[in-house]
Amino acid sequence: RYVRSPRHVEVQVFADHYGNAVYLWE
């Protein structure tokens, strides 16, 4: 899809060896 007026937003994530994962907002 072509986005005419884009913003660049990224999300910080963390995951461990036991299948757990979280996000620390964007």
mmCIF file of all heavy atoms, coordinates in Angstrom:
data_MODEL
# 
_entry.id   MODEL 
# 
loop_
_atom_site.group_PDB 
_atom_site.id 
_atom_site.type_symbol 
_atom_site.label_atom_id 
_atom_site.label_alt_id 
_atom_site.label_comp_id 
_atom_site.label_asym_id 
_atom_site.label_entity_id 
_atom_site.label_seq_id 
_atom_site.pdbx_PDB_ins_code 
_atom_site.Cartn_x 
_atom_site.Cartn_y 
_atom_site.Cartn_z 
_atom_site.occupancy 
_atom_site.B_iso_or_equiv 
_atom_site.pdbx_formal_charge 
_atom_site.auth_seq_id 
_atom_site.auth_comp_id 
_atom_site.auth_asym_id 
_atom_site.auth_atom_id 
_atom_site.pdbx_PDB_model_num 
ATOM 1   N N   . ARG A 1 1  ? 0.838  -1.198  0.000  1.00 0.00 ? 1  ARG A N   1 
ATOM 2   C CA  . ARG A 1 1  ? 0.000  0.000   0.000  1.00 0.00 ? 1  ARG A CA  1 
ATOM 3   C C   . ARG A 1 1  ? 0.875  1.252   0.000  1.00 0.00 ? 1  ARG A C   1 
ATOM 4   O O   . ARG A 1 1  ? 1.882  1.319   0.706  1.00 0.00 ? 1  ARG A O   1 
ATOM 5   C CB  . ARG A 1 1  ? -0.899 0.011   1.241  1.00 0.00 ? 1  ARG A CB  1 
ATOM 6   C CG  . ARG A 1 1  ? -1.708 1.290   1.383  1.00 0.00 ? 1  ARG A CG  1 
ATOM 7   C CD  . ARG A 1 1  ? -2.626 1.236   2.580  1.00 0.00 ? 1  ARG A CD  1 
ATOM 8   N NE  . ARG A 1 1  ? -3.268 2.517   2.833  1.00 0.00 ? 1  ARG A NE  1 
ATOM 9   C CZ  . ARG A 1 1  ? -4.169 2.726   3.774  1.00 0.00 ? 1  ARG A CZ  1 
ATOM 10  N NH1 . ARG A 1 1  ? -4.533 1.728   4.563  1.00 0.00 ? 1  ARG A NH1 1 
ATOM 11  N NH2 . ARG A 1 1  ? -4.702 3.921   3.956  1.00 0.00 ? 1  ARG A NH2 1 
ATOM 12  N N   . TYR A 1 2  ? 0.494  2.227   -0.800 1.00 0.00 ? 2  TYR A N   1 
ATOM 13  C CA  . TYR A 1 2  ? 1.194  3.508   -0.822 1.00 0.00 ? 2  TYR A CA  1 
ATOM 14  C C   . TYR A 1 2  ? 0.559  4.440   0.202  1.00 0.00 ? 2  TYR A C   1 
ATOM 15  O O   . TYR A 1 2  ? -0.645 4.705   0.152  1.00 0.00 ? 2  TYR A O   1 
ATOM 16  C CB  . TYR A 1 2  ? 1.125  4.142   -2.216 1.00 0.00 ? 2  TYR A CB  1 
ATOM 17  C CG  . TYR A 1 2  ? 1.739  5.517   -2.277 1.00 0.00 ? 2  TYR A CG  1 
ATOM 18  C CD1 . TYR A 1 2  ? 3.120  5.689   -2.138 1.00 0.00 ? 2  TYR A CD1 1 
ATOM 19  C CD2 . TYR A 1 2  ? 0.954  6.647   -2.466 1.00 0.00 ? 2  TYR A CD2 1 
ATOM 20  C CE1 . TYR A 1 2  ? 3.688  6.938   -2.176 1.00 0.00 ? 2  TYR A CE1 1 
ATOM 21  C CE2 . TYR A 1 2  ? 1.527  7.908   -2.522 1.00 0.00 ? 2  TYR A CE2 1 
ATOM 22  C CZ  . TYR A 1 2  ? 2.895  8.048   -2.373 1.00 0.00 ? 2  TYR A CZ  1 
ATOM 23  O OH  . TYR A 1 2  ? 3.453  9.297   -2.422 1.00 0.00 ? 2  TYR A OH  1 
ATOM 24  N N   . VAL A 1 3  ? 1.353  4.926   1.140  1.00 0.00 ? 3  VAL A N   1 
ATOM 25  C CA  . VAL A 1 3  ? 0.874  5.836   2.172  1.00 0.00 ? 3  VAL A CA  1 
ATOM 26  C C   . VAL A 1 3  ? 1.337  7.236   1.807  1.00 0.00 ? 3  VAL A C   1 
ATOM 27  O O   . VAL A 1 3  ? 2.533  7.528   1.773  1.00 0.00 ? 3  VAL A O   1 
ATOM 28  C CB  . VAL A 1 3  ? 1.400  5.431   3.565  1.00 0.00 ? 3  VAL A CB  1 
ATOM 29  C CG1 . VAL A 1 3  ? 0.880  6.382   4.632  1.00 0.00 ? 3  VAL A CG1 1 
ATOM 30  C CG2 . VAL A 1 3  ? 0.979  3.995   3.890  1.00 0.00 ? 3  VAL A CG2 1 
ATOM 31  N N   . ARG A 1 4  ? 0.393  8.101   1.542  1.00 0.00 ? 4  ARG A N   1 
ATOM 32  C CA  . ARG A 1 4  ? 0.728  9.447   1.050  1.00 0.00 ? 4  ARG A CA  1 
ATOM 33  C C   . ARG A 1 4  ? 1.400  10.312  2.113  1.00 0.00 ? 4  ARG A C   1 
ATOM 34  O O   . ARG A 1 4  ? 2.300  11.101  1.825  1.00 0.00 ? 4  ARG A O   1 
ATOM 35  C CB  . ARG A 1 4  ? -0.548 10.152  0.559  1.00 0.00 ? 4  ARG A CB  1 
ATOM 36  C CG  . ARG A 1 4  ? -1.146 9.531   -0.693 1.00 0.00 ? 4  ARG A CG  1 
ATOM 37  C CD  . ARG A 1 4  ? -2.390 10.306  -1.140 1.00 0.00 ? 4  ARG A CD  1 
ATOM 38  N NE  . ARG A 1 4  ? -2.982 9.711   -2.319 1.00 0.00 ? 4  ARG A NE  1 
ATOM 39  C CZ  . ARG A 1 4  ? -2.597 9.977   -3.566 1.00 0.00 ? 4  ARG A CZ  1 
ATOM 40  N NH1 . ARG A 1 4  ? -1.621 10.837  -3.771 1.00 0.00 ? 4  ARG A NH1 1 
ATOM 41  N NH2 . ARG A 1 4  ? -3.179 9.385   -4.575 1.00 0.00 ? 4  ARG A NH2 1 
ATOM 42  N N   . SER A 1 5  ? 0.938  10.200  3.345  1.00 0.00 ? 5  SER A N   1 
ATOM 43  C CA  . SER A 1 5  ? 1.474  11.051  4.417  1.00 0.00 ? 5  SER A CA  1 
ATOM 44  C C   . SER A 1 5  ? 1.841  10.168  5.604  1.00 0.00 ? 5  SER A C   1 
ATOM 45  O O   . SER A 1 5  ? 1.078  10.041  6.562  1.00 0.00 ? 5  SER A O   1 
ATOM 46  C CB  . SER A 1 5  ? 0.441  12.109  4.817  1.00 0.00 ? 5  SER A CB  1 
ATOM 47  O OG  . SER A 1 5  ? 0.982  13.015  5.756  1.00 0.00 ? 5  SER A OG  1 
ATOM 48  N N   . PRO A 1 6  ? 3.009  9.531   5.570  1.00 0.00 ? 6  PRO A N   1 
ATOM 49  C CA  . PRO A 1 6  ? 3.349  8.544   6.587  1.00 0.00 ? 6  PRO A CA  1 
ATOM 50  C C   . PRO A 1 6  ? 3.969  9.129   7.854  1.00 0.00 ? 6  PRO A C   1 
ATOM 51  O O   . PRO A 1 6  ? 4.609  10.186  7.829  1.00 0.00 ? 6  PRO A O   1 
ATOM 52  C CB  . PRO A 1 6  ? 4.356  7.648   5.864  1.00 0.00 ? 6  PRO A CB  1 
ATOM 53  C CG  . PRO A 1 6  ? 5.014  8.555   4.882  1.00 0.00 ? 6  PRO A CG  1 
ATOM 54  C CD  . PRO A 1 6  ? 3.978  9.567   4.470  1.00 0.00 ? 6  PRO A CD  1 
ATOM 55  N N   . ARG A 1 7  ? 3.737  8.415   8.935  1.00 0.00 ? 7  ARG A N   1 
ATOM 56  C CA  . ARG A 1 7  ? 4.475  8.627   10.173 1.00 0.00 ? 7  ARG A CA  1 
ATOM 57  C C   . ARG A 1 7  ? 5.292  7.363   10.436 1.00 0.00 ? 7  ARG A C   1 
ATOM 58  O O   . ARG A 1 7  ? 4.932  6.280   10.009 1.00 0.00 ? 7  ARG A O   1 
ATOM 59  C CB  . ARG A 1 7  ? 3.525  8.891   11.348 1.00 0.00 ? 7  ARG A CB  1 
ATOM 60  C CG  . ARG A 1 7  ? 2.825  10.217  11.275 1.00 0.00 ? 7  ARG A CG  1 
ATOM 61  C CD  . ARG A 1 7  ? 1.790  10.370  12.382 1.00 0.00 ? 7  ARG A CD  1 
ATOM 62  N NE  . ARG A 1 7  ? 2.395  10.342  13.718 1.00 0.00 ? 7  ARG A NE  1 
ATOM 63  C CZ  . ARG A 1 7  ? 1.710  10.530  14.846 1.00 0.00 ? 7  ARG A CZ  1 
ATOM 64  N NH1 . ARG A 1 7  ? 0.398  10.740  14.794 1.00 0.00 ? 7  ARG A NH1 1 
ATOM 65  N NH2 . ARG A 1 7  ? 2.306  10.507  16.015 1.00 0.00 ? 7  ARG A NH2 1 
ATOM 66  N N   . HIS A 1 8  ? 6.376  7.531   11.149 1.00 0.00 ? 8  HIS A N   1 
ATOM 67  C CA  . HIS A 1 8  ? 7.239  6.402   11.493 1.00 0.00 ? 8  HIS A CA  1 
ATOM 68  C C   . HIS A 1 8  ? 7.096  6.158   12.993 1.00 0.00 ? 8  HIS A C   1 
ATOM 69  O O   . HIS A 1 8  ? 7.582  6.935   13.812 1.00 0.00 ? 8  HIS A O   1 
ATOM 70  C CB  . HIS A 1 8  ? 8.687  6.723   11.133 1.00 0.00 ? 8  HIS A CB  1 
ATOM 71  C CG  . HIS A 1 8  ? 9.636  5.588   11.363 1.00 0.00 ? 8  HIS A CG  1 
ATOM 72  N ND1 . HIS A 1 8  ? 10.958 5.649   11.015 1.00 0.00 ? 8  HIS A ND1 1 
ATOM 73  C CD2 . HIS A 1 8  ? 9.458  4.366   11.899 1.00 0.00 ? 8  HIS A CD2 1 
ATOM 74  C CE1 . HIS A 1 8  ? 11.558 4.513   11.327 1.00 0.00 ? 8  HIS A CE1 1 
ATOM 75  N NE2 . HIS A 1 8  ? 10.657 3.719   11.886 1.00 0.00 ? 8  HIS A NE2 1 
ATOM 76  N N   . VAL A 1 9  ? 6.399  5.072   13.339 1.00 0.00 ? 9  VAL A N   1 
ATOM 77  C CA  . VAL A 1 9  ? 6.160  4.729   14.738 1.00 0.00 ? 9  VAL A CA  1 
ATOM 78  C C   . VAL A 1 9  ? 6.741  3.350   15.006 1.00 0.00 ? 9  VAL A C   1 
ATOM 79  O O   . VAL A 1 9  ? 6.529  2.419   14.223 1.00 0.00 ? 9  VAL A O   1 
ATOM 80  C CB  . VAL A 1 9  ? 4.654  4.749   15.067 1.00 0.00 ? 9  VAL A CB  1 
ATOM 81  C CG1 . VAL A 1 9  ? 4.401  4.327   16.502 1.00 0.00 ? 9  VAL A CG1 1 
ATOM 82  C CG2 . VAL A 1 9  ? 4.081  6.152   14.821 1.00 0.00 ? 9  VAL A CG2 1 
ATOM 83  N N   . GLU A 1 10 ? 7.477  3.217   16.095 1.00 0.00 ? 10 GLU A N   1 
ATOM 84  C CA  . GLU A 1 10 ? 8.100  1.937   16.421 1.00 0.00 ? 10 GLU A CA  1 
ATOM 85  C C   . GLU A 1 10 ? 7.774  1.549   17.860 1.00 0.00 ? 10 GLU A C   1 
ATOM 86  O O   . GLU A 1 10 ? 7.525  2.406   18.713 1.00 0.00 ? 10 GLU A O   1 
ATOM 87  C CB  . GLU A 1 10 ? 9.607  1.995   16.214 1.00 0.00 ? 10 GLU A CB  1 
ATOM 88  C CG  . GLU A 1 10 ? 10.316 3.032   17.072 1.00 0.00 ? 10 GLU A CG  1 
ATOM 89  C CD  . GLU A 1 10 ? 11.766 3.216   16.699 1.00 0.00 ? 10 GLU A CD  1 
ATOM 90  O OE1 . GLU A 1 10 ? 12.100 3.034   15.523 1.00 0.00 ? 10 GLU A OE1 1 
ATOM 91  O OE2 . GLU A 1 10 ? 12.568 3.570   17.594 1.00 0.00 ? 10 GLU A OE2 1 
ATOM 92  N N   . VAL A 1 11 ? 7.779  0.234   18.113 1.00 0.00 ? 11 VAL A N   1 
ATOM 93  C CA  . VAL A 1 11 ? 7.425  -0.292  19.425 1.00 0.00 ? 11 VAL A CA  1 
ATOM 94  C C   . VAL A 1 11 ? 8.605  -1.059  19.996 1.00 0.00 ? 11 VAL A C   1 
ATOM 95  O O   . VAL A 1 11 ? 9.176  -1.928  19.329 1.00 0.00 ? 11 VAL A O   1 
ATOM 96  C CB  . VAL A 1 11 ? 6.190  -1.213  19.336 1.00 0.00 ? 11 VAL A CB  1 
ATOM 97  C CG1 . VAL A 1 11 ? 5.845  -1.784  20.719 1.00 0.00 ? 11 VAL A CG1 1 
ATOM 98  C CG2 . VAL A 1 11 ? 4.993  -0.460  18.762 1.00 0.00 ? 11 VAL A CG2 1 
ATOM 99  N N   . GLN A 1 12 ? 8.954  -0.739  21.238 1.00 0.00 ? 12 GLN A N   1 
ATOM 100 C CA  . GLN A 1 12 ? 10.012 -1.469  21.936 1.00 0.00 ? 12 GLN A CA  1 
ATOM 101 C C   . GLN A 1 12 ? 9.438  -2.746  22.535 1.00 0.00 ? 12 GLN A C   1 
ATOM 102 O O   . GLN A 1 12 ? 8.472  -2.702  23.298 1.00 0.00 ? 12 GLN A O   1 
ATOM 103 C CB  . GLN A 1 12 ? 10.598 -0.609  23.057 1.00 0.00 ? 12 GLN A CB  1 
ATOM 104 C CG  . GLN A 1 12 ? 11.706 -1.272  23.854 1.00 0.00 ? 12 GLN A CG  1 
ATOM 105 C CD  . GLN A 1 12 ? 12.961 -1.421  23.032 1.00 0.00 ? 12 GLN A CD  1 
ATOM 106 O OE1 . GLN A 1 12 ? 13.573 -0.438  22.643 1.00 0.00 ? 12 GLN A OE1 1 
ATOM 107 N NE2 . GLN A 1 12 ? 13.362 -2.659  22.760 1.00 0.00 ? 12 GLN A NE2 1 
ATOM 108 N N   . VAL A 1 13 ? 10.006 -3.884  22.183 1.00 0.00 ? 13 VAL A N   1 
ATOM 109 C CA  . VAL A 1 13 ? 9.554  -5.156  22.743 1.00 0.00 ? 13 VAL A CA  1 
ATOM 110 C C   . VAL A 1 13 ? 10.719 -5.871  23.424 1.00 0.00 ? 13 VAL A C   1 
ATOM 111 O O   . VAL A 1 13 ? 11.888 -5.605  23.129 1.00 0.00 ? 13 VAL A O   1 
ATOM 112 C CB  . VAL A 1 13 ? 8.943  -6.083  21.666 1.00 0.00 ? 13 VAL A CB  1 
ATOM 113 C CG1 . VAL A 1 13 ? 7.702  -5.463  21.068 1.00 0.00 ? 13 VAL A CG1 1 
ATOM 114 C CG2 . VAL A 1 13 ? 9.966  -6.417  20.582 1.00 0.00 ? 13 VAL A CG2 1 
ATOM 115 N N   . PHE A 1 14 ? 10.362 -6.775  24.343 1.00 0.00 ? 14 PHE A N   1 
ATOM 116 C CA  . PHE A 1 14 ? 11.334 -7.631  25.013 1.00 0.00 ? 14 PHE A CA  1 
ATOM 117 C C   . PHE A 1 14 ? 10.730 -9.013  25.158 1.00 0.00 ? 14 PHE A C   1 
ATOM 118 O O   . PHE A 1 14 ? 9.544  -9.151  25.451 1.00 0.00 ? 14 PHE A O   1 
ATOM 119 C CB  . PHE A 1 14 ? 11.685 -7.082  26.399 1.00 0.00 ? 14 PHE A CB  1 
ATOM 120 C CG  . PHE A 1 14 ? 13.055 -6.477  26.477 1.00 0.00 ? 14 PHE A CG  1 
ATOM 121 C CD1 . PHE A 1 14 ? 13.241 -5.127  26.251 1.00 0.00 ? 14 PHE A CD1 1 
ATOM 122 C CD2 . PHE A 1 14 ? 14.159 -7.258  26.774 1.00 0.00 ? 14 PHE A CD2 1 
ATOM 123 C CE1 . PHE A 1 14 ? 14.496 -4.555  26.324 1.00 0.00 ? 14 PHE A CE1 1 
ATOM 124 C CE2 . PHE A 1 14 ? 15.425 -6.700  26.845 1.00 0.00 ? 14 PHE A CE2 1 
ATOM 125 C CZ  . PHE A 1 14 ? 15.600 -5.348  26.617 1.00 0.00 ? 14 PHE A CZ  1 
ATOM 126 N N   . ALA A 1 15 ? 11.543 -10.034 24.947 1.00 0.00 ? 15 ALA A N   1 
ATOM 127 C CA  . ALA A 1 15 ? 11.070 -11.410 25.100 1.00 0.00 ? 15 ALA A CA  1 
ATOM 128 C C   . ALA A 1 15 ? 12.150 -12.236 25.784 1.00 0.00 ? 15 ALA A C   1 
ATOM 129 O O   . ALA A 1 15 ? 13.350 -11.969 25.624 1.00 0.00 ? 15 ALA A O   1 
ATOM 130 C CB  . ALA A 1 15 ? 10.734 -12.011 23.736 1.00 0.00 ? 15 ALA A CB  1 
ATOM 131 N N   . ASP A 1 16 ? 11.718 -13.232 26.575 1.00 0.00 ? 16 ASP A N   1 
ATOM 132 C CA  . ASP A 1 16 ? 12.687 -14.086 27.259 1.00 0.00 ? 16 ASP A CA  1 
ATOM 133 C C   . ASP A 1 16 ? 12.698 -15.497 26.673 1.00 0.00 ? 16 ASP A C   1 
ATOM 134 O O   . ASP A 1 16 ? 12.034 -15.772 25.659 1.00 0.00 ? 16 ASP A O   1 
ATOM 135 C CB  . ASP A 1 16 ? 12.423 -14.100 28.770 1.00 0.00 ? 16 ASP A CB  1 
ATOM 136 C CG  . ASP A 1 16 ? 11.045 -14.668 29.122 1.00 0.00 ? 16 ASP A CG  1 
ATOM 137 O OD1 . ASP A 1 16 ? 10.464 -15.406 28.299 1.00 0.00 ? 16 ASP A OD1 1 
ATOM 138 O OD2 . ASP A 1 16 ? 10.547 -14.377 30.230 1.00 0.00 ? 16 ASP A OD2 1 
ATOM 139 N N   . HIS A 1 17 ? 13.439 -16.389 27.309 1.00 0.00 ? 17 HIS A N   1 
ATOM 140 C CA  . HIS A 1 17 ? 13.591 -17.757 26.812 1.00 0.00 ? 17 HIS A CA  1 
ATOM 141 C C   . HIS A 1 17 ? 12.392 -18.649 27.145 1.00 0.00 ? 17 HIS A C   1 
ATOM 142 O O   . HIS A 1 17 ? 12.371 -19.813 26.745 1.00 0.00 ? 17 HIS A O   1 
ATOM 143 C CB  . HIS A 1 17 ? 14.848 -18.391 27.419 1.00 0.00 ? 17 HIS A CB  1 
ATOM 144 C CG  . HIS A 1 17 ? 16.134 -17.754 26.980 1.00 0.00 ? 17 HIS A CG  1 
ATOM 145 N ND1 . HIS A 1 17 ? 16.798 -18.113 25.832 1.00 0.00 ? 17 HIS A ND1 1 
ATOM 146 C CD2 . HIS A 1 17 ? 16.871 -16.761 27.539 1.00 0.00 ? 17 HIS A CD2 1 
ATOM 147 C CE1 . HIS A 1 17 ? 17.902 -17.382 25.708 1.00 0.00 ? 17 HIS A CE1 1 
ATOM 148 N NE2 . HIS A 1 17 ? 17.973 -16.557 26.730 1.00 0.00 ? 17 HIS A NE2 1 
ATOM 149 N N   . TYR A 1 18 ? 11.410 -18.105 27.853 1.00 0.00 ? 18 TYR A N   1 
ATOM 150 C CA  . TYR A 1 18 ? 10.321 -18.932 28.356 1.00 0.00 ? 18 TYR A CA  1 
ATOM 151 C C   . TYR A 1 18 ? 8.974  -18.613 27.700 1.00 0.00 ? 18 TYR A C   1 
ATOM 152 O O   . TYR A 1 18 ? 7.925  -18.951 28.232 1.00 0.00 ? 18 TYR A O   1 
ATOM 153 C CB  . TYR A 1 18 ? 10.233 -18.769 29.875 1.00 0.00 ? 18 TYR A CB  1 
ATOM 154 C CG  . TYR A 1 18 ? 11.574 -18.970 30.536 1.00 0.00 ? 18 TYR A CG  1 
ATOM 155 C CD1 . TYR A 1 18 ? 12.348 -17.873 30.922 1.00 0.00 ? 18 TYR A CD1 1 
ATOM 156 C CD2 . TYR A 1 18 ? 12.104 -20.235 30.701 1.00 0.00 ? 18 TYR A CD2 1 
ATOM 157 C CE1 . TYR A 1 18 ? 13.604 -18.049 31.492 1.00 0.00 ? 18 TYR A CE1 1 
ATOM 158 C CE2 . TYR A 1 18 ? 13.363 -20.428 31.271 1.00 0.00 ? 18 TYR A CE2 1 
ATOM 159 C CZ  . TYR A 1 18 ? 14.109 -19.325 31.658 1.00 0.00 ? 18 TYR A CZ  1 
ATOM 160 O OH  . TYR A 1 18 ? 15.350 -19.503 32.214 1.00 0.00 ? 18 TYR A OH  1 
ATOM 161 N N   . GLY A 1 19 ? 9.035  -17.944 26.557 1.00 0.00 ? 19 GLY A N   1 
ATOM 162 C CA  . GLY A 1 19 ? 7.817  -17.648 25.817 1.00 0.00 ? 19 GLY A CA  1 
ATOM 163 C C   . GLY A 1 19 ? 7.106  -16.389 26.249 1.00 0.00 ? 19 GLY A C   1 
ATOM 164 O O   . GLY A 1 19 ? 6.011  -16.091 25.759 1.00 0.00 ? 19 GLY A O   1 
ATOM 165 N N   . ASN A 1 20 ? 7.706  -15.619 27.162 1.00 0.00 ? 20 ASN A N   1 
ATOM 166 C CA  . ASN A 1 20 ? 7.095  -14.364 27.613 1.00 0.00 ? 20 ASN A CA  1 
ATOM 167 C C   . ASN A 1 20 ? 7.584  -13.197 26.757 1.00 0.00 ? 20 ASN A C   1 
ATOM 168 O O   . ASN A 1 20 ? 8.766  -13.138 26.404 1.00 0.00 ? 20 ASN A O   1 
ATOM 169 C CB  . ASN A 1 20 ? 7.460  -14.088 29.070 1.00 0.00 ? 20 ASN A CB  1 
ATOM 170 C CG  . ASN A 1 20 ? 7.091  -15.231 29.985 1.00 0.00 ? 20 ASN A CG  1 
ATOM 171 O OD1 . ASN A 1 20 ? 5.937  -15.678 29.997 1.00 0.00 ? 20 ASN A OD1 1 
ATOM 172 N ND2 . ASN A 1 20 ? 8.056  -15.734 30.756 1.00 0.00 ? 20 ASN A ND2 1 
ATOM 173 N N   . ALA A 1 21 ? 6.691  -12.286 26.442 1.00 0.00 ? 21 ALA A N   1 
ATOM 174 C CA  . ALA A 1 21 ? 7.066  -11.096 25.670 1.00 0.00 ? 21 ALA A CA  1 
ATOM 175 C C   . ALA A 1 21 ? 6.195  -9.928  26.098 1.00 0.00 ? 21 ALA A C   1 
ATOM 176 O O   . ALA A 1 21 ? 5.009  -10.104 26.409 1.00 0.00 ? 21 ALA A O   1 
ATOM 177 C CB  . ALA A 1 21 ? 6.919  -11.342 24.173 1.00 0.00 ? 21 ALA A CB  1 
ATOM 178 N N   . VAL A 1 22 ? 6.781  -8.750  26.132 1.00 0.00 ? 22 VAL A N   1 
ATOM 179 C CA  . VAL A 1 22 ? 6.060  -7.537  26.529 1.00 0.00 ? 22 VAL A CA  1 
ATOM 180 C C   . VAL A 1 22 ? 6.445  -6.403  25.588 1.00 0.00 ? 22 VAL A C   1 
ATOM 181 O O   . VAL A 1 22 ? 7.458  -6.456  24.895 1.00 0.00 ? 22 VAL A O   1 
ATOM 182 C CB  . VAL A 1 22 ? 6.385  -7.119  27.981 1.00 0.00 ? 22 VAL A CB  1 
ATOM 183 C CG1 . VAL A 1 22 ? 5.931  -8.191  28.979 1.00 0.00 ? 22 VAL A CG1 1 
ATOM 184 C CG2 . VAL A 1 22 ? 7.883  -6.827  28.148 1.00 0.00 ? 22 VAL A CG2 1 
ATOM 185 N N   . TYR A 1 23 ? 5.622  -5.364  25.585 1.00 0.00 ? 23 TYR A N   1 
ATOM 186 C CA  . TYR A 1 23 ? 5.979  -4.138  24.870 1.00 0.00 ? 23 TYR A CA  1 
ATOM 187 C C   . TYR A 1 23 ? 6.098  -3.002  25.872 1.00 0.00 ? 23 TYR A C   1 
ATOM 188 O O   . TYR A 1 23 ? 5.417  -2.974  26.901 1.00 0.00 ? 23 TYR A O   1 
ATOM 189 C CB  . TYR A 1 23 ? 4.947  -3.801  23.787 1.00 0.00 ? 23 TYR A CB  1 
ATOM 190 C CG  . TYR A 1 23 ? 3.541  -3.545  24.276 1.00 0.00 ? 23 TYR A CG  1 
ATOM 191 C CD1 . TYR A 1 23 ? 3.127  -2.272  24.664 1.00 0.00 ? 23 TYR A CD1 1 
ATOM 192 C CD2 . TYR A 1 23 ? 2.602  -4.579  24.341 1.00 0.00 ? 23 TYR A CD2 1 
ATOM 193 C CE1 . TYR A 1 23 ? 1.835  -2.031  25.100 1.00 0.00 ? 23 TYR A CE1 1 
ATOM 194 C CE2 . TYR A 1 23 ? 1.310  -4.351  24.780 1.00 0.00 ? 23 TYR A CE2 1 
ATOM 195 C CZ  . TYR A 1 23 ? 0.932  -3.072  25.158 1.00 0.00 ? 23 TYR A CZ  1 
ATOM 196 O OH  . TYR A 1 23 ? -0.350 -2.840  25.602 1.00 0.00 ? 23 TYR A OH  1 
ATOM 197 N N   . LEU A 1 24 ? 6.999  -2.070  25.583 1.00 0.00 ? 24 LEU A N   1 
ATOM 198 C CA  . LEU A 1 24 ? 7.227  -0.914  26.457 1.00 0.00 ? 24 LEU A CA  1 
ATOM 199 C C   . LEU A 1 24 ? 6.791  0.359   25.745 1.00 0.00 ? 24 LEU A C   1 
ATOM 200 O O   . LEU A 1 24 ? 7.510  1.338   25.668 1.00 0.00 ? 24 LEU A O   1 
ATOM 201 C CB  . LEU A 1 24 ? 8.691  -0.841  26.886 1.00 0.00 ? 24 LEU A CB  1 
ATOM 202 C CG  . LEU A 1 24 ? 9.094  -1.994  27.813 1.00 0.00 ? 24 LEU A CG  1 
ATOM 203 C CD1 . LEU A 1 24 ? 9.875  -3.056  27.043 1.00 0.00 ? 24 LEU A CD1 1 
ATOM 204 C CD2 . LEU A 1 24 ? 9.903  -1.505  28.998 1.00 0.00 ? 24 LEU A CD2 1 
ATOM 205 N N   . TRP A 1 25 ? 5.596  0.272   25.175 1.00 0.00 ? 25 TRP A N   1 
ATOM 206 C CA  . TRP A 1 25 ? 4.967  1.390   24.479 1.00 0.00 ? 25 TRP A CA  1 
ATOM 207 C C   . TRP A 1 25 ? 5.747  1.772   23.238 1.00 0.00 ? 25 TRP A C   1 
ATOM 208 O O   . TRP A 1 25 ? 6.684  1.104   22.827 1.00 0.00 ? 25 TRP A O   1 
ATOM 209 C CB  . TRP A 1 25 ? 4.718  2.550   25.428 1.00 0.00 ? 25 TRP A CB  1 
ATOM 210 C CG  . TRP A 1 25 ? 3.958  2.104   26.637 1.00 0.00 ? 25 TRP A CG  1 
ATOM 211 C CD1 . TRP A 1 25 ? 4.456  1.848   27.880 1.00 0.00 ? 25 TRP A CD1 1 
ATOM 212 C CD2 . TRP A 1 25 ? 2.558  1.790   26.702 1.00 0.00 ? 25 TRP A CD2 1 
ATOM 213 N NE1 . TRP A 1 25 ? 3.461  1.395   28.715 1.00 0.00 ? 25 TRP A NE1 1 
ATOM 214 C CE2 . TRP A 1 25 ? 2.278  1.360   28.028 1.00 0.00 ? 25 TRP A CE2 1 
ATOM 215 C CE3 . TRP A 1 25 ? 1.507  1.828   25.780 1.00 0.00 ? 25 TRP A CE3 1 
ATOM 216 C CZ2 . TRP A 1 25 ? 1.018  0.966   28.438 1.00 0.00 ? 25 TRP A CZ2 1 
ATOM 217 C CZ3 . TRP A 1 25 ? 0.233  1.446   26.198 1.00 0.00 ? 25 TRP A CZ3 1 
ATOM 218 C CH2 . TRP A 1 25 ? 0.005  1.026   27.513 1.00 0.00 ? 25 TRP A CH2 1 
ATOM 219 N N   . GLU A 1 26 ? 5.345  2.859   22.631 1.00 0.00 ? 26 GLU A N   1 
ATOM 220 C CA  . GLU A 1 26 ? 5.836  3.179   21.294 1.00 0.00 ? 26 GLU A CA  1 
ATOM 221 C C   . GLU A 1 26 ? 6.572  4.515   21.278 1.00 0.00 ? 26 GLU A C   1 
ATOM 222 O O   . GLU A 1 26 ? 6.445  5.329   22.202 1.00 0.00 ? 26 GLU A O   1 
ATOM 223 C CB  . GLU A 1 26 ? 4.674  3.181   20.290 1.00 0.00 ? 26 GLU A CB  1 
ATOM 224 C CG  . GLU A 1 26 ? 3.700  4.316   20.440 1.00 0.00 ? 26 GLU A CG  1 
ATOM 225 C CD  . GLU A 1 26 ? 2.759  4.191   21.630 1.00 0.00 ? 26 GLU A CD  1 
ATOM 226 O OE1 . GLU A 1 26 ? 2.722  3.140   22.285 1.00 0.00 ? 26 GLU A OE1 1 
ATOM 227 O OE2 . GLU A 1 26 ? 2.051  5.175   21.913 1.00 0.00 ? 26 GLU A OE2 1 
# 
